[in-house]
Amino acid sequence: MVDFDDLPDDEDDIDLERFEAQQDEPFQGDKRRSIYQQAVAELREGRKRSHWMWFVFPQCDGVPEYHGEKPSEMTLWFGVAGLAEATAYLEHETLGVRLRECFRICVESGERDATAIFGPVDAAKFRASATLFSRVEAADPIFTAALETFFDGRPCQATMALTGEAGGNR
């Protein structure tokens, strides 16, 4: 379970363990299925039903504040500090593979409305995540494909502003 008292003291530290540990937690106490496995099952069924968005499709730190909203503790804990941390996430041997898999499931689902899969709040988080990872240098084209498929190619403006004008595929 998430321990918010363990927030990193140094913003320059790249700590990806928090994502993998949370994804690997048993889903609702069932040791036979991890939260990540449940997320994949829900995506394959075409509808998110449980709570895992923050650590399966992470978004850039500051997105809620950009919109004048107060971020939740989960949003703060699982926010990606910027393009350097996003790059490390994609290069991580487990997290990068899982993120691409989840985006691929969505893009290949045949659905074109992210709200139908995620609901309105999490559809915005999905867009922010796709935008963030599309901006990593040499990013997998699946992130741009997600923006094209679900948002007519329009990225999350908050993420664009927070990550600056330089970036990979966008």
N, C-alpha and C. Protein backbone atom coordinates (compact mmCIF):
# COMPACT_ATOMS: atom_id res chain seq x y z
N MET A 1 0.84 -1.17 0.00
CA MET A 1 0.00 0.00 0.00
C MET A 1 0.89 1.24 0.00
N VAL A 2 0.37 2.33 -0.51
CA VAL A 2 1.12 3.57 -0.64
C VAL A 2 1.38 4.17 0.74
N ASP A 3 2.62 4.56 0.99
CA ASP A 3 2.99 5.25 2.22
C ASP A 3 3.40 6.66 1.84
N PHE A 4 2.51 7.63 2.05
CA PHE A 4 2.76 8.99 1.63
C PHE A 4 3.86 9.67 2.45
N ASP A 5 4.22 9.08 3.59
CA ASP A 5 5.31 9.64 4.39
C ASP A 5 6.66 9.39 3.75
N ASP A 6 6.72 8.50 2.77
CA ASP A 6 7.98 8.18 2.10
C ASP A 6 8.20 8.99 0.84
N LEU A 7 7.53 10.14 0.71
CA LEU A 7 7.76 10.99 -0.46
C LEU A 7 9.23 11.35 -0.55
N PRO A 8 9.83 11.34 -1.74
CA PRO A 8 11.24 11.67 -1.88
C PRO A 8 11.52 13.09 -1.39
N ASP A 9 12.64 13.27 -0.67
CA ASP A 9 13.04 14.58 -0.20
C ASP A 9 13.63 15.42 -1.32
N ASP A 10 14.31 14.79 -2.23
CA ASP A 10 15.00 15.48 -3.31
C ASP A 10 14.23 15.29 -4.60
N GLU A 11 13.73 16.40 -5.17
CA GLU A 11 12.94 16.32 -6.39
C GLU A 11 13.74 15.78 -7.56
N ASP A 12 15.06 15.79 -7.48
CA ASP A 12 15.89 15.29 -8.57
C ASP A 12 16.00 13.77 -8.57
N ASP A 13 15.59 13.13 -7.48
CA ASP A 13 15.65 11.67 -7.41
C ASP A 13 14.60 11.06 -8.33
N ILE A 14 15.02 10.09 -9.11
CA ILE A 14 14.08 9.35 -9.94
C ILE A 14 13.81 8.03 -9.23
N ASP A 15 12.60 7.92 -8.70
CA ASP A 15 12.19 6.74 -7.93
C ASP A 15 11.03 6.07 -8.65
N LEU A 16 11.33 5.04 -9.40
CA LEU A 16 10.29 4.33 -10.14
C LEU A 16 9.73 3.15 -9.37
N GLU A 17 10.37 2.79 -8.27
CA GLU A 17 9.93 1.65 -7.47
C GLU A 17 8.47 1.82 -7.02
N ARG A 18 8.07 3.06 -6.75
CA ARG A 18 6.71 3.30 -6.28
C ARG A 18 5.67 2.81 -7.29
N PHE A 19 5.96 2.95 -8.57
CA PHE A 19 5.02 2.51 -9.61
C PHE A 19 4.95 0.98 -9.67
N GLU A 20 6.11 0.35 -9.76
CA GLU A 20 6.14 -1.10 -9.90
C GLU A 20 5.56 -1.78 -8.65
N ALA A 21 5.91 -1.26 -7.49
CA ALA A 21 5.40 -1.85 -6.24
C ALA A 21 3.88 -1.78 -6.19
N GLN A 22 3.31 -0.65 -6.57
CA GLN A 22 1.86 -0.51 -6.52
C GLN A 22 1.17 -1.38 -7.58
N GLN A 23 1.76 -1.45 -8.77
CA GLN A 23 1.19 -2.31 -9.82
C GLN A 23 1.20 -3.78 -9.41
N ASP A 24 2.21 -4.17 -8.66
CA ASP A 24 2.37 -5.57 -8.26
C ASP A 24 1.58 -5.95 -7.00
N GLU A 25 0.97 -4.97 -6.35
CA GLU A 25 0.14 -5.26 -5.17
C GLU A 25 -1.00 -6.20 -5.56
N PRO A 26 -1.41 -7.09 -4.65
CA PRO A 26 -2.57 -7.94 -4.94
C PRO A 26 -3.82 -7.09 -5.15
N PHE A 27 -4.61 -7.45 -6.13
CA PHE A 27 -5.86 -6.73 -6.39
C PHE A 27 -6.89 -7.10 -5.34
N GLN A 28 -7.34 -6.11 -4.58
CA GLN A 28 -8.33 -6.30 -3.52
C GLN A 28 -8.01 -7.49 -2.62
N GLY A 29 -6.72 -7.64 -2.31
CA GLY A 29 -6.29 -8.69 -1.40
C GLY A 29 -6.16 -10.07 -2.01
N ASP A 30 -6.48 -10.22 -3.29
CA ASP A 30 -6.41 -11.52 -3.97
C ASP A 30 -4.98 -11.74 -4.47
N LYS A 31 -4.24 -12.59 -3.81
CA LYS A 31 -2.83 -12.81 -4.16
C LYS A 31 -2.65 -13.48 -5.53
N ARG A 32 -3.73 -13.96 -6.13
CA ARG A 32 -3.63 -14.60 -7.44
C ARG A 32 -3.61 -13.58 -8.58
N ARG A 33 -3.98 -12.34 -8.30
CA ARG A 33 -4.05 -11.33 -9.36
C ARG A 33 -3.52 -10.00 -8.83
N SER A 34 -2.58 -9.43 -9.57
CA SER A 34 -2.03 -8.12 -9.19
C SER A 34 -2.94 -7.01 -9.71
N ILE A 35 -2.75 -5.82 -9.17
CA ILE A 35 -3.50 -4.67 -9.66
C ILE A 35 -3.21 -4.46 -11.14
N TYR A 36 -1.95 -4.64 -11.55
CA TYR A 36 -1.63 -4.49 -12.97
C TYR A 36 -2.40 -5.50 -13.82
N GLN A 37 -2.45 -6.74 -13.40
CA GLN A 37 -3.19 -7.76 -14.15
C GLN A 37 -4.67 -7.40 -14.24
N GLN A 38 -5.21 -6.85 -13.17
CA GLN A 38 -6.61 -6.41 -13.18
C GLN A 38 -6.79 -5.26 -14.16
N ALA A 39 -5.86 -4.31 -14.17
CA ALA A 39 -5.94 -3.18 -15.10
C ALA A 39 -5.95 -3.68 -16.54
N VAL A 40 -5.07 -4.60 -16.86
CA VAL A 40 -5.01 -5.16 -18.22
C VAL A 40 -6.33 -5.86 -18.56
N ALA A 41 -6.87 -6.63 -17.63
CA ALA A 41 -8.15 -7.31 -17.87
C ALA A 41 -9.26 -6.31 -18.15
N GLU A 42 -9.32 -5.24 -17.37
CA GLU A 42 -10.35 -4.23 -17.57
C GLU A 42 -10.18 -3.53 -18.91
N LEU A 43 -8.94 -3.21 -19.28
CA LEU A 43 -8.70 -2.57 -20.58
C LEU A 43 -9.12 -3.49 -21.72
N ARG A 44 -8.84 -4.77 -21.59
CA ARG A 44 -9.25 -5.73 -22.64
C ARG A 44 -10.77 -5.85 -22.73
N GLU A 45 -11.43 -5.66 -21.60
CA GLU A 45 -12.90 -5.69 -21.59
C GLU A 45 -13.49 -4.37 -22.09
N GLY A 46 -12.64 -3.33 -22.20
CA GLY A 46 -13.10 -2.05 -22.73
C GLY A 46 -13.68 -1.09 -21.73
N ARG A 47 -13.53 -1.37 -20.43
CA ARG A 47 -14.09 -0.47 -19.41
C ARG A 47 -13.31 -0.56 -18.12
N LYS A 48 -12.73 0.57 -17.70
CA LYS A 48 -12.03 0.66 -16.42
C LYS A 48 -13.08 0.68 -15.30
N ARG A 49 -12.92 -0.21 -14.32
CA ARG A 49 -13.89 -0.31 -13.22
C ARG A 49 -13.27 -0.07 -11.84
N SER A 50 -11.97 -0.23 -11.72
CA SER A 50 -11.33 -0.09 -10.41
C SER A 50 -10.32 1.06 -10.45
N HIS A 51 -9.60 1.24 -9.36
CA HIS A 51 -8.77 2.44 -9.19
C HIS A 51 -7.29 2.13 -9.34
N TRP A 52 -6.72 2.48 -10.50
CA TRP A 52 -5.31 2.22 -10.78
C TRP A 52 -4.71 3.23 -11.76
N MET A 53 -5.47 4.20 -12.14
CA MET A 53 -5.06 5.11 -13.21
C MET A 53 -3.73 5.80 -12.91
N TRP A 54 -3.53 6.26 -11.67
CA TRP A 54 -2.36 7.07 -11.31
C TRP A 54 -1.04 6.36 -11.59
N PHE A 55 -1.00 5.07 -11.37
CA PHE A 55 0.28 4.36 -11.49
C PHE A 55 0.37 3.44 -12.70
N VAL A 56 -0.69 3.33 -13.48
CA VAL A 56 -0.63 2.58 -14.74
C VAL A 56 -0.45 3.54 -15.91
N PHE A 57 -1.14 4.68 -15.89
CA PHE A 57 -1.00 5.73 -16.89
C PHE A 57 -0.59 7.03 -16.19
N PRO A 58 0.64 7.11 -15.69
CA PRO A 58 1.04 8.29 -14.93
C PRO A 58 1.07 9.55 -15.79
N GLN A 59 0.86 10.67 -15.13
CA GLN A 59 0.91 11.96 -15.81
C GLN A 59 1.96 12.84 -15.17
N CYS A 60 2.25 13.93 -15.82
CA CYS A 60 3.27 14.88 -15.38
C CYS A 60 2.83 15.60 -14.10
N ASP A 61 3.76 15.81 -13.20
CA ASP A 61 3.50 16.65 -12.03
C ASP A 61 2.95 17.99 -12.50
N GLY A 62 1.97 18.50 -11.79
CA GLY A 62 1.49 19.84 -12.05
C GLY A 62 0.27 19.95 -12.95
N VAL A 63 -0.19 18.86 -13.53
CA VAL A 63 -1.33 18.94 -14.45
C VAL A 63 -2.59 19.44 -13.72
N PRO A 64 -2.96 18.88 -12.56
CA PRO A 64 -4.16 19.41 -11.90
C PRO A 64 -4.02 20.89 -11.52
N GLU A 65 -2.85 21.26 -11.00
CA GLU A 65 -2.64 22.65 -10.60
C GLU A 65 -2.74 23.59 -11.79
N TYR A 66 -2.27 23.14 -12.95
CA TYR A 66 -2.35 23.93 -14.18
C TYR A 66 -3.80 24.30 -14.47
N HIS A 67 -4.72 23.41 -14.14
CA HIS A 67 -6.15 23.64 -14.36
C HIS A 67 -6.82 24.26 -13.14
N GLY A 68 -6.04 24.67 -12.15
CA GLY A 68 -6.59 25.30 -10.96
C GLY A 68 -7.20 24.32 -9.97
N GLU A 69 -6.85 23.05 -10.09
CA GLU A 69 -7.39 22.02 -9.20
C GLU A 69 -6.37 21.64 -8.14
N LYS A 70 -6.87 21.15 -7.02
CA LYS A 70 -5.99 20.64 -5.97
C LYS A 70 -5.72 19.16 -6.24
N PRO A 71 -4.44 18.77 -6.37
CA PRO A 71 -4.14 17.37 -6.65
C PRO A 71 -4.37 16.48 -5.43
N SER A 72 -4.77 15.26 -5.68
CA SER A 72 -4.93 14.28 -4.60
C SER A 72 -3.55 13.79 -4.16
N GLU A 73 -3.51 13.13 -3.02
CA GLU A 73 -2.25 12.53 -2.56
C GLU A 73 -1.74 11.51 -3.56
N MET A 74 -2.63 10.74 -4.16
CA MET A 74 -2.22 9.75 -5.17
C MET A 74 -1.60 10.44 -6.38
N THR A 75 -2.20 11.53 -6.81
CA THR A 75 -1.67 12.28 -7.95
C THR A 75 -0.28 12.81 -7.62
N LEU A 76 -0.11 13.33 -6.43
CA LEU A 76 1.21 13.85 -6.02
C LEU A 76 2.23 12.73 -5.95
N TRP A 77 1.86 11.61 -5.36
CA TRP A 77 2.79 10.49 -5.16
C TRP A 77 3.22 9.88 -6.50
N PHE A 78 2.28 9.75 -7.43
CA PHE A 78 2.58 9.08 -8.69
C PHE A 78 2.81 10.03 -9.86
N GLY A 79 2.92 11.32 -9.58
CA GLY A 79 3.23 12.26 -10.65
C GLY A 79 4.66 12.06 -11.16
N VAL A 80 4.84 12.19 -12.46
CA VAL A 80 6.16 12.06 -13.09
C VAL A 80 6.77 13.45 -13.14
N ALA A 81 8.01 13.58 -12.65
CA ALA A 81 8.65 14.88 -12.45
C ALA A 81 8.99 15.63 -13.74
N GLY A 82 8.96 14.99 -14.87
CA GLY A 82 9.28 15.65 -16.13
C GLY A 82 9.79 14.66 -17.14
N LEU A 83 10.38 15.18 -18.20
CA LEU A 83 10.82 14.31 -19.30
C LEU A 83 11.94 13.35 -18.89
N ALA A 84 12.81 13.75 -17.97
CA ALA A 84 13.88 12.84 -17.53
C ALA A 84 13.29 11.62 -16.83
N GLU A 85 12.34 11.84 -15.94
CA GLU A 85 11.71 10.71 -15.25
C GLU A 85 10.84 9.90 -16.22
N ALA A 86 10.17 10.57 -17.15
CA ALA A 86 9.38 9.86 -18.16
C ALA A 86 10.28 8.97 -19.01
N THR A 87 11.45 9.47 -19.36
CA THR A 87 12.41 8.68 -20.13
C THR A 87 12.84 7.45 -19.34
N ALA A 88 13.16 7.66 -18.06
CA ALA A 88 13.57 6.54 -17.20
C ALA A 88 12.43 5.52 -17.08
N TYR A 89 11.21 5.99 -16.99
CA TYR A 89 10.05 5.11 -16.90
C TYR A 89 9.96 4.23 -18.14
N LEU A 90 10.08 4.84 -19.32
CA LEU A 90 10.01 4.07 -20.57
C LEU A 90 11.17 3.10 -20.73
N GLU A 91 12.32 3.46 -20.19
CA GLU A 91 13.50 2.59 -20.29
C GLU A 91 13.51 1.49 -19.24
N HIS A 92 12.66 1.60 -18.22
CA HIS A 92 12.59 0.60 -17.16
C HIS A 92 12.12 -0.72 -17.76
N GLU A 93 12.78 -1.80 -17.40
CA GLU A 93 12.52 -3.10 -18.04
C GLU A 93 11.11 -3.63 -17.82
N THR A 94 10.48 -3.25 -16.74
CA THR A 94 9.10 -3.70 -16.49
C THR A 94 8.09 -2.61 -16.81
N LEU A 95 8.30 -1.42 -16.28
CA LEU A 95 7.32 -0.36 -16.43
C LEU A 95 7.13 0.08 -17.87
N GLY A 96 8.23 0.20 -18.61
CA GLY A 96 8.13 0.60 -20.02
C GLY A 96 7.33 -0.39 -20.84
N VAL A 97 7.58 -1.66 -20.62
CA VAL A 97 6.86 -2.72 -21.34
C VAL A 97 5.37 -2.68 -20.98
N ARG A 98 5.08 -2.54 -19.70
CA ARG A 98 3.69 -2.52 -19.25
C ARG A 98 2.94 -1.30 -19.81
N LEU A 99 3.59 -0.14 -19.79
CA LEU A 99 2.93 1.07 -20.28
C LEU A 99 2.60 0.93 -21.76
N ARG A 100 3.55 0.46 -22.54
CA ARG A 100 3.30 0.26 -23.98
C ARG A 100 2.17 -0.75 -24.20
N GLU A 101 2.17 -1.82 -23.40
CA GLU A 101 1.11 -2.83 -23.53
C GLU A 101 -0.26 -2.22 -23.28
N CYS A 102 -0.38 -1.44 -22.24
CA CYS A 102 -1.67 -0.84 -21.90
C CYS A 102 -2.13 0.14 -22.97
N PHE A 103 -1.21 0.96 -23.46
CA PHE A 103 -1.58 1.88 -24.54
C PHE A 103 -1.97 1.09 -25.79
N ARG A 104 -1.24 0.05 -26.09
CA ARG A 104 -1.54 -0.76 -27.29
C ARG A 104 -2.93 -1.40 -27.19
N ILE A 105 -3.27 -1.93 -26.03
CA ILE A 105 -4.60 -2.51 -25.84
C ILE A 105 -5.68 -1.48 -26.14
N CYS A 106 -5.49 -0.27 -25.64
CA CYS A 106 -6.49 0.79 -25.87
C CYS A 106 -6.59 1.16 -27.34
N VAL A 107 -5.44 1.40 -27.96
CA VAL A 107 -5.43 1.82 -29.37
C VAL A 107 -6.03 0.74 -30.27
N GLU A 108 -5.74 -0.51 -29.96
CA GLU A 108 -6.21 -1.61 -30.81
C GLU A 108 -7.61 -2.11 -30.43
N SER A 109 -8.25 -1.47 -29.47
CA SER A 109 -9.56 -1.93 -28.99
C SER A 109 -10.69 -1.70 -29.98
N GLY A 110 -10.50 -0.78 -30.89
CA GLY A 110 -11.58 -0.41 -31.80
C GLY A 110 -12.42 0.74 -31.27
N GLU A 111 -12.30 1.04 -30.00
CA GLU A 111 -13.00 2.17 -29.39
C GLU A 111 -12.29 3.45 -29.81
N ARG A 112 -13.05 4.54 -30.00
CA ARG A 112 -12.45 5.82 -30.37
C ARG A 112 -12.77 6.91 -29.36
N ASP A 113 -13.47 6.55 -28.31
CA ASP A 113 -13.87 7.50 -27.28
C ASP A 113 -13.25 7.08 -25.95
N ALA A 114 -12.23 7.81 -25.52
CA ALA A 114 -11.55 7.48 -24.27
C ALA A 114 -12.50 7.53 -23.08
N THR A 115 -13.50 8.39 -23.14
CA THR A 115 -14.46 8.49 -22.05
C THR A 115 -15.25 7.19 -21.90
N ALA A 116 -15.50 6.49 -22.99
CA ALA A 116 -16.22 5.21 -22.92
C ALA A 116 -15.41 4.17 -22.16
N ILE A 117 -14.09 4.24 -22.25
CA ILE A 117 -13.22 3.29 -21.54
C ILE A 117 -12.98 3.72 -20.11
N PHE A 118 -12.67 5.02 -19.92
CA PHE A 118 -12.16 5.50 -18.64
C PHE A 118 -13.13 6.35 -17.83
N GLY A 119 -14.16 6.90 -18.44
CA GLY A 119 -14.94 7.94 -17.80
C GLY A 119 -14.25 9.27 -18.03
N PRO A 120 -14.94 10.39 -17.80
CA PRO A 120 -14.38 11.70 -18.17
C PRO A 120 -13.13 12.12 -17.41
N VAL A 121 -13.06 11.87 -16.13
CA VAL A 121 -11.90 12.29 -15.35
C VAL A 121 -10.66 11.50 -15.76
N ASP A 122 -10.78 10.20 -15.84
CA ASP A 122 -9.62 9.38 -16.19
C ASP A 122 -9.28 9.45 -17.67
N ALA A 123 -10.22 9.81 -18.52
CA ALA A 123 -9.90 10.04 -19.94
C ALA A 123 -8.93 11.21 -20.06
N ALA A 124 -9.12 12.24 -19.24
CA ALA A 124 -8.19 13.38 -19.24
C ALA A 124 -6.81 12.94 -18.75
N LYS A 125 -6.76 12.07 -17.77
CA LYS A 125 -5.47 11.55 -17.28
C LYS A 125 -4.79 10.70 -18.35
N PHE A 126 -5.56 9.91 -19.08
CA PHE A 126 -5.04 9.10 -20.18
C PHE A 126 -4.41 10.01 -21.25
N ARG A 127 -5.10 11.09 -21.56
CA ARG A 127 -4.58 12.05 -22.55
C ARG A 127 -3.29 12.68 -22.05
N ALA A 128 -3.26 13.07 -20.78
CA ALA A 128 -2.06 13.67 -20.21
C ALA A 128 -0.90 12.68 -20.23
N SER A 129 -1.17 11.42 -19.93
CA SER A 129 -0.13 10.39 -19.94
C SER A 129 0.39 10.17 -21.36
N ALA A 130 -0.51 10.05 -22.33
CA ALA A 130 -0.10 9.86 -23.72
C ALA A 130 0.75 11.03 -24.20
N THR A 131 0.35 12.23 -23.81
CA THR A 131 1.11 13.43 -24.20
C THR A 131 2.50 13.40 -23.59
N LEU A 132 2.58 13.12 -22.30
CA LEU A 132 3.87 13.08 -21.61
C LEU A 132 4.82 12.10 -22.29
N PHE A 133 4.38 10.88 -22.47
CA PHE A 133 5.29 9.86 -23.00
C PHE A 133 5.55 10.03 -24.50
N SER A 134 4.66 10.71 -25.21
CA SER A 134 4.93 10.99 -26.62
C SER A 134 6.05 12.01 -26.78
N ARG A 135 6.31 12.78 -25.73
CA ARG A 135 7.32 13.85 -25.79
C ARG A 135 8.72 13.36 -25.44
N VAL A 136 8.84 12.13 -25.01
CA VAL A 136 10.16 11.56 -24.71
C VAL A 136 10.89 11.34 -26.03
N GLU A 137 12.15 11.70 -26.05
CA GLU A 137 12.97 11.50 -27.25
C GLU A 137 12.93 10.03 -27.65
N ALA A 138 12.71 9.78 -28.91
CA ALA A 138 12.65 8.42 -29.48
C ALA A 138 11.54 7.58 -28.84
N ALA A 139 10.43 8.22 -28.50
CA ALA A 139 9.31 7.51 -27.89
C ALA A 139 8.68 6.54 -28.88
N ASP A 140 8.10 5.49 -28.34
CA ASP A 140 7.34 4.54 -29.14
C ASP A 140 6.16 5.30 -29.78
N PRO A 141 5.88 5.07 -31.05
CA PRO A 141 4.77 5.77 -31.71
C PRO A 141 3.39 5.43 -31.15
N ILE A 142 3.28 4.45 -30.25
CA ILE A 142 1.99 4.08 -29.68
C ILE A 142 1.37 5.24 -28.91
N PHE A 143 2.20 6.11 -28.33
CA PHE A 143 1.68 7.23 -27.55
C PHE A 143 1.04 8.27 -28.46
N THR A 144 1.69 8.56 -29.58
CA THR A 144 1.12 9.47 -30.57
C THR A 144 -0.13 8.83 -31.18
N ALA A 145 -0.09 7.53 -31.40
CA ALA A 145 -1.26 6.81 -31.93
C ALA A 145 -2.45 6.94 -30.98
N ALA A 146 -2.20 6.90 -29.68
CA ALA A 146 -3.28 7.08 -28.71
C ALA A 146 -3.89 8.47 -28.82
N LEU A 147 -3.03 9.48 -28.97
CA LEU A 147 -3.55 10.84 -29.14
C LEU A 147 -4.36 10.96 -30.42
N GLU A 148 -3.87 10.36 -31.49
CA GLU A 148 -4.59 10.39 -32.77
C GLU A 148 -5.92 9.64 -32.67
N THR A 149 -5.90 8.48 -32.07
CA THR A 149 -7.08 7.62 -31.99
C THR A 149 -8.18 8.22 -31.13
N PHE A 150 -7.81 8.74 -29.97
CA PHE A 150 -8.82 9.16 -29.00
C PHE A 150 -9.06 10.66 -28.93
N PHE A 151 -8.10 11.46 -29.40
CA PHE A 151 -8.20 12.91 -29.20
C PHE A 151 -7.93 13.70 -30.48
N ASP A 152 -8.11 13.07 -31.63
CA ASP A 152 -7.87 13.72 -32.93
C ASP A 152 -6.48 14.35 -33.00
N GLY A 153 -5.52 13.72 -32.31
CA GLY A 153 -4.14 14.19 -32.35
C GLY A 153 -3.85 15.37 -31.44
N ARG A 154 -4.85 15.83 -30.70
CA ARG A 154 -4.67 17.00 -29.83
C ARG A 154 -4.09 16.58 -28.48
N PRO A 155 -2.90 17.06 -28.15
CA PRO A 155 -2.28 16.69 -26.87
C PRO A 155 -2.89 17.46 -25.70
N CYS A 156 -2.55 17.04 -24.51
CA CYS A 156 -2.92 17.74 -23.28
C CYS A 156 -2.12 19.03 -23.21
N GLN A 157 -2.79 20.15 -23.23
CA GLN A 157 -2.09 21.44 -23.23
C GLN A 157 -1.33 21.68 -21.93
N ALA A 158 -1.86 21.21 -20.81
CA ALA A 158 -1.14 21.37 -19.54
C ALA A 158 0.19 20.64 -19.59
N THR A 159 0.18 19.41 -20.08
CA THR A 159 1.42 18.63 -20.18
C THR A 159 2.39 19.29 -21.14
N MET A 160 1.89 19.80 -22.25
CA MET A 160 2.76 20.50 -23.21
C MET A 160 3.44 21.69 -22.54
N ALA A 161 2.67 22.47 -21.81
CA ALA A 161 3.22 23.65 -21.14
C ALA A 161 4.22 23.26 -20.06
N LEU A 162 3.90 22.23 -19.30
CA LEU A 162 4.76 21.81 -18.19
C LEU A 162 6.06 21.16 -18.64
N THR A 163 6.06 20.57 -19.83
CA THR A 163 7.27 19.90 -20.33
C THR A 163 8.03 20.76 -21.32
N GLY A 164 7.53 21.96 -21.61
CA GLY A 164 8.25 22.86 -22.50
C GLY A 164 8.02 22.52 -23.96
N GLU A 165 8.60 23.31 -24.81
CA GLU A 165 8.40 23.14 -26.25
C GLU A 165 9.25 22.03 -26.84
N ALA A 166 10.38 21.71 -26.22
CA ALA A 166 11.23 20.63 -26.74
C ALA A 166 10.59 19.30 -26.40
N GLY A 167 10.81 18.32 -27.21
CA GLY A 167 10.28 17.00 -26.92
C GLY A 167 10.50 16.08 -28.08
N GLY A 168 10.03 14.87 -27.94
CA GLY A 168 10.26 13.83 -28.95
C GLY A 168 9.34 13.92 -30.13
N ASN A 169 8.25 13.18 -30.10
CA ASN A 169 7.40 13.00 -31.26
C ASN A 169 6.33 14.06 -31.44
N ARG A 170 6.15 14.96 -30.53
CA ARG A 170 5.06 15.94 -30.64
C ARG A 170 5.61 17.31 -30.89
